[in-house]
Amino acid sequence: MMSVANRRRGAERRVKEVAVNLERRSGLDRRLIVESATAQIHAVLELLTQLADQGALRDDSRRLLDTSMLRLRYALEQMEPE
């Protein structure tokens, strides 16, 4: 049976170096990603608000939901451009 230590002492499996093209995101790309994330957070907050308004949650679940929504709103504020 080959152990991890024995396998690591074996021959080098990497045969050759391969060039990798690095794609750098432009400022526009990063803004679009943030806008997409912002839109997703808005949608999640809308769904969570609907859930909270239905009143079908126990008190402890309602507190957890309220805390989660508060954290999402804070994250959203940090993401949105000023």
N, C-alpha and C. Protein backbone atom coordinates (compact mmCIF):
# COMPACT_ATOMS: atom_id res chain seq x y z
N MET A 1 0.85 -1.18 0.00
CA MET A 1 0.00 0.00 0.00
C MET A 1 0.89 1.24 0.00
N MET A 2 0.54 2.21 -0.81
CA MET A 2 1.34 3.43 -0.90
C MET A 2 0.75 4.49 0.03
N SER A 3 1.56 5.01 0.91
CA SER A 3 1.09 6.05 1.83
C SER A 3 1.28 7.41 1.19
N VAL A 4 0.73 8.41 1.83
CA VAL A 4 0.86 9.78 1.32
C VAL A 4 2.32 10.18 1.27
N ALA A 5 3.09 9.84 2.31
CA ALA A 5 4.51 10.20 2.34
C ALA A 5 5.27 9.53 1.20
N ASN A 6 4.98 8.25 0.93
CA ASN A 6 5.64 7.54 -0.16
C ASN A 6 5.27 8.15 -1.51
N ARG A 7 4.04 8.48 -1.67
CA ARG A 7 3.58 9.06 -2.94
C ARG A 7 4.26 10.40 -3.19
N ARG A 8 4.48 11.15 -2.16
CA ARG A 8 5.11 12.47 -2.32
C ARG A 8 6.58 12.35 -2.69
N ARG A 9 7.22 11.24 -2.31
CA ARG A 9 8.63 11.06 -2.66
C ARG A 9 8.82 10.56 -4.08
N GLY A 10 7.74 10.23 -4.75
CA GLY A 10 7.83 9.67 -6.10
C GLY A 10 8.30 10.70 -7.11
N ALA A 11 8.33 10.29 -8.36
CA ALA A 11 8.79 11.15 -9.44
C ALA A 11 7.87 12.35 -9.60
N GLU A 12 8.43 13.41 -10.06
CA GLU A 12 7.66 14.63 -10.32
C GLU A 12 6.67 14.35 -11.44
N ARG A 13 5.40 14.62 -11.18
CA ARG A 13 4.38 14.35 -12.19
C ARG A 13 4.19 15.51 -13.15
N ARG A 14 4.59 16.69 -12.74
CA ARG A 14 4.45 17.83 -13.64
C ARG A 14 5.55 17.75 -14.69
N VAL A 15 5.17 17.61 -15.92
CA VAL A 15 6.13 17.37 -16.99
C VAL A 15 6.65 18.68 -17.57
N LYS A 16 5.78 19.62 -17.82
CA LYS A 16 6.21 20.85 -18.47
C LYS A 16 5.43 22.03 -17.91
N GLU A 17 5.97 23.18 -18.10
CA GLU A 17 5.27 24.40 -17.69
C GLU A 17 4.34 24.83 -18.80
N VAL A 18 3.17 25.27 -18.42
CA VAL A 18 2.18 25.70 -19.40
C VAL A 18 1.88 27.17 -19.14
N ALA A 19 1.96 27.96 -20.17
CA ALA A 19 1.65 29.39 -20.04
C ALA A 19 0.16 29.57 -19.83
N VAL A 20 -0.19 30.45 -18.92
CA VAL A 20 -1.60 30.71 -18.61
C VAL A 20 -1.87 32.17 -18.88
N ASN A 21 -2.91 32.43 -19.68
CA ASN A 21 -3.30 33.81 -19.94
C ASN A 21 -4.10 34.33 -18.75
N LEU A 22 -3.62 35.39 -18.16
CA LEU A 22 -4.33 35.99 -17.05
C LEU A 22 -5.31 37.02 -17.57
N GLU A 23 -6.56 36.85 -17.19
CA GLU A 23 -7.56 37.82 -17.60
C GLU A 23 -7.76 38.79 -16.46
N ARG A 24 -7.51 40.02 -16.71
CA ARG A 24 -7.70 41.04 -15.69
C ARG A 24 -9.06 41.67 -15.92
N ARG A 25 -9.79 41.82 -14.85
CA ARG A 25 -11.11 42.45 -14.97
C ARG A 25 -10.94 43.95 -15.03
N SER A 26 -11.69 44.55 -15.92
CA SER A 26 -11.66 46.00 -16.02
C SER A 26 -12.54 46.58 -14.93
N GLY A 27 -12.43 47.87 -14.73
CA GLY A 27 -13.27 48.54 -13.75
C GLY A 27 -14.74 48.34 -14.05
N LEU A 28 -15.09 48.35 -15.33
CA LEU A 28 -16.48 48.14 -15.73
C LEU A 28 -16.94 46.75 -15.34
N ASP A 29 -16.10 45.75 -15.60
CA ASP A 29 -16.46 44.38 -15.22
C ASP A 29 -16.72 44.27 -13.73
N ARG A 30 -15.85 44.88 -12.93
CA ARG A 30 -16.03 44.82 -11.48
C ARG A 30 -17.31 45.52 -11.06
N ARG A 31 -17.62 46.65 -11.68
CA ARG A 31 -18.86 47.37 -11.36
C ARG A 31 -20.08 46.54 -11.73
N LEU A 32 -20.03 45.85 -12.86
CA LEU A 32 -21.16 45.01 -13.27
C LEU A 32 -21.35 43.86 -12.29
N ILE A 33 -20.26 43.29 -11.80
CA ILE A 33 -20.37 42.21 -10.82
C ILE A 33 -21.00 42.74 -9.55
N VAL A 34 -20.56 43.91 -9.10
CA VAL A 34 -21.11 44.50 -7.88
C VAL A 34 -22.58 44.83 -8.09
N GLU A 35 -22.92 45.38 -9.27
CA GLU A 35 -24.32 45.70 -9.54
C GLU A 35 -25.16 44.42 -9.56
N SER A 36 -24.62 43.37 -10.13
CA SER A 36 -25.34 42.11 -10.15
C SER A 36 -25.54 41.59 -8.73
N ALA A 37 -24.49 41.66 -7.91
CA ALA A 37 -24.61 41.23 -6.52
C ALA A 37 -25.60 42.10 -5.78
N THR A 38 -25.59 43.39 -6.06
CA THR A 38 -26.52 44.32 -5.43
C THR A 38 -27.96 43.96 -5.78
N ALA A 39 -28.20 43.67 -7.06
CA ALA A 39 -29.54 43.29 -7.50
C ALA A 39 -29.98 41.99 -6.83
N GLN A 40 -29.05 41.06 -6.68
CA GLN A 40 -29.39 39.79 -6.03
C GLN A 40 -29.73 40.01 -4.56
N ILE A 41 -28.97 40.85 -3.88
CA ILE A 41 -29.26 41.12 -2.47
C ILE A 41 -30.60 41.81 -2.32
N HIS A 42 -30.92 42.74 -3.22
CA HIS A 42 -32.24 43.39 -3.19
C HIS A 42 -33.35 42.34 -3.33
N ALA A 43 -33.16 41.39 -4.25
CA ALA A 43 -34.17 40.35 -4.47
C ALA A 43 -34.32 39.47 -3.23
N VAL A 44 -33.20 39.11 -2.61
CA VAL A 44 -33.24 38.29 -1.39
C VAL A 44 -33.95 39.04 -0.27
N LEU A 45 -33.63 40.32 -0.11
CA LEU A 45 -34.29 41.11 0.93
C LEU A 45 -35.80 41.19 0.69
N GLU A 46 -36.20 41.30 -0.55
CA GLU A 46 -37.63 41.34 -0.87
C GLU A 46 -38.31 40.03 -0.47
N LEU A 47 -37.67 38.91 -0.80
CA LEU A 47 -38.24 37.61 -0.43
C LEU A 47 -38.29 37.43 1.09
N LEU A 48 -37.23 37.82 1.77
CA LEU A 48 -37.20 37.70 3.23
C LEU A 48 -38.24 38.60 3.89
N THR A 49 -38.44 39.77 3.32
CA THR A 49 -39.46 40.68 3.85
C THR A 49 -40.85 40.07 3.70
N GLN A 50 -41.11 39.44 2.55
CA GLN A 50 -42.39 38.77 2.35
C GLN A 50 -42.58 37.65 3.37
N LEU A 51 -41.53 36.89 3.62
CA LEU A 51 -41.59 35.81 4.60
C LEU A 51 -41.87 36.37 5.99
N ALA A 52 -41.19 37.43 6.35
CA ALA A 52 -41.38 38.03 7.67
C ALA A 52 -42.79 38.59 7.83
N ASP A 53 -43.34 39.14 6.77
CA ASP A 53 -44.67 39.74 6.83
C ASP A 53 -45.79 38.69 6.93
N GLN A 54 -45.51 37.45 6.57
CA GLN A 54 -46.53 36.41 6.65
C GLN A 54 -46.84 36.03 8.09
N GLY A 55 -45.90 36.27 8.99
CA GLY A 55 -46.14 36.02 10.41
C GLY A 55 -46.21 34.55 10.79
N ALA A 56 -45.67 33.67 9.99
CA ALA A 56 -45.75 32.24 10.28
C ALA A 56 -44.51 31.73 11.01
N LEU A 57 -43.67 32.63 11.48
CA LEU A 57 -42.43 32.22 12.14
C LEU A 57 -42.55 32.29 13.65
N ARG A 58 -41.82 31.39 14.31
CA ARG A 58 -41.73 31.48 15.77
C ARG A 58 -40.89 32.70 16.13
N ASP A 59 -40.95 33.12 17.37
CA ASP A 59 -40.23 34.32 17.80
C ASP A 59 -38.72 34.21 17.58
N ASP A 60 -38.14 33.06 17.93
CA ASP A 60 -36.69 32.91 17.76
C ASP A 60 -36.30 32.91 16.28
N SER A 61 -37.11 32.30 15.44
CA SER A 61 -36.85 32.31 14.00
C SER A 61 -37.01 33.72 13.45
N ARG A 62 -37.98 34.44 13.95
CA ARG A 62 -38.21 35.82 13.50
C ARG A 62 -37.02 36.70 13.86
N ARG A 63 -36.45 36.52 15.06
CA ARG A 63 -35.27 37.30 15.46
C ARG A 63 -34.08 36.97 14.56
N LEU A 64 -33.89 35.69 14.24
CA LEU A 64 -32.80 35.31 13.33
C LEU A 64 -33.00 35.91 11.94
N LEU A 65 -34.23 35.90 11.48
CA LEU A 65 -34.54 36.48 10.17
C LEU A 65 -34.27 37.98 10.18
N ASP A 66 -34.71 38.66 11.23
CA ASP A 66 -34.47 40.11 11.33
C ASP A 66 -32.99 40.43 11.35
N THR A 67 -32.21 39.63 12.08
CA THR A 67 -30.76 39.83 12.14
C THR A 67 -30.13 39.61 10.77
N SER A 68 -30.56 38.57 10.07
CA SER A 68 -30.04 38.30 8.74
C SER A 68 -30.35 39.43 7.77
N MET A 69 -31.55 39.95 7.85
CA MET A 69 -31.95 41.05 6.96
C MET A 69 -31.13 42.30 7.28
N LEU A 70 -30.88 42.55 8.55
CA LEU A 70 -30.06 43.70 8.95
C LEU A 70 -28.65 43.57 8.38
N ARG A 71 -28.08 42.38 8.48
CA ARG A 71 -26.74 42.16 7.94
C ARG A 71 -26.70 42.32 6.43
N LEU A 72 -27.73 41.82 5.75
CA LEU A 72 -27.79 41.99 4.29
C LEU A 72 -27.90 43.46 3.90
N ARG A 73 -28.71 44.21 4.63
CA ARG A 73 -28.84 45.64 4.33
C ARG A 73 -27.52 46.37 4.54
N TYR A 74 -26.81 46.00 5.61
CA TYR A 74 -25.51 46.62 5.86
C TYR A 74 -24.54 46.29 4.73
N ALA A 75 -24.49 45.02 4.31
CA ALA A 75 -23.61 44.62 3.21
C ALA A 75 -23.97 45.37 1.94
N LEU A 76 -25.24 45.53 1.71
CA LEU A 76 -25.71 46.25 0.52
C LEU A 76 -25.26 47.71 0.55
N GLU A 77 -25.37 48.33 1.70
CA GLU A 77 -24.92 49.72 1.83
C GLU A 77 -23.43 49.86 1.54
N GLN A 78 -22.66 48.87 1.97
CA GLN A 78 -21.22 48.91 1.74
C GLN A 78 -20.86 48.72 0.27
N MET A 79 -21.72 48.00 -0.46
CA MET A 79 -21.45 47.71 -1.87
C MET A 79 -21.87 48.82 -2.80
N GLU A 80 -22.94 49.51 -2.46
CA GLU A 80 -23.50 50.51 -3.38
C GLU A 80 -22.59 51.72 -3.45
N PRO A 81 -22.41 52.24 -4.68
CA PRO A 81 -21.60 53.45 -4.84
C PRO A 81 -22.24 54.63 -4.16
N GLU A 82 -21.41 55.51 -3.70
CA GLU A 82 -21.91 56.68 -2.97
C GLU A 82 -22.38 57.77 -3.89
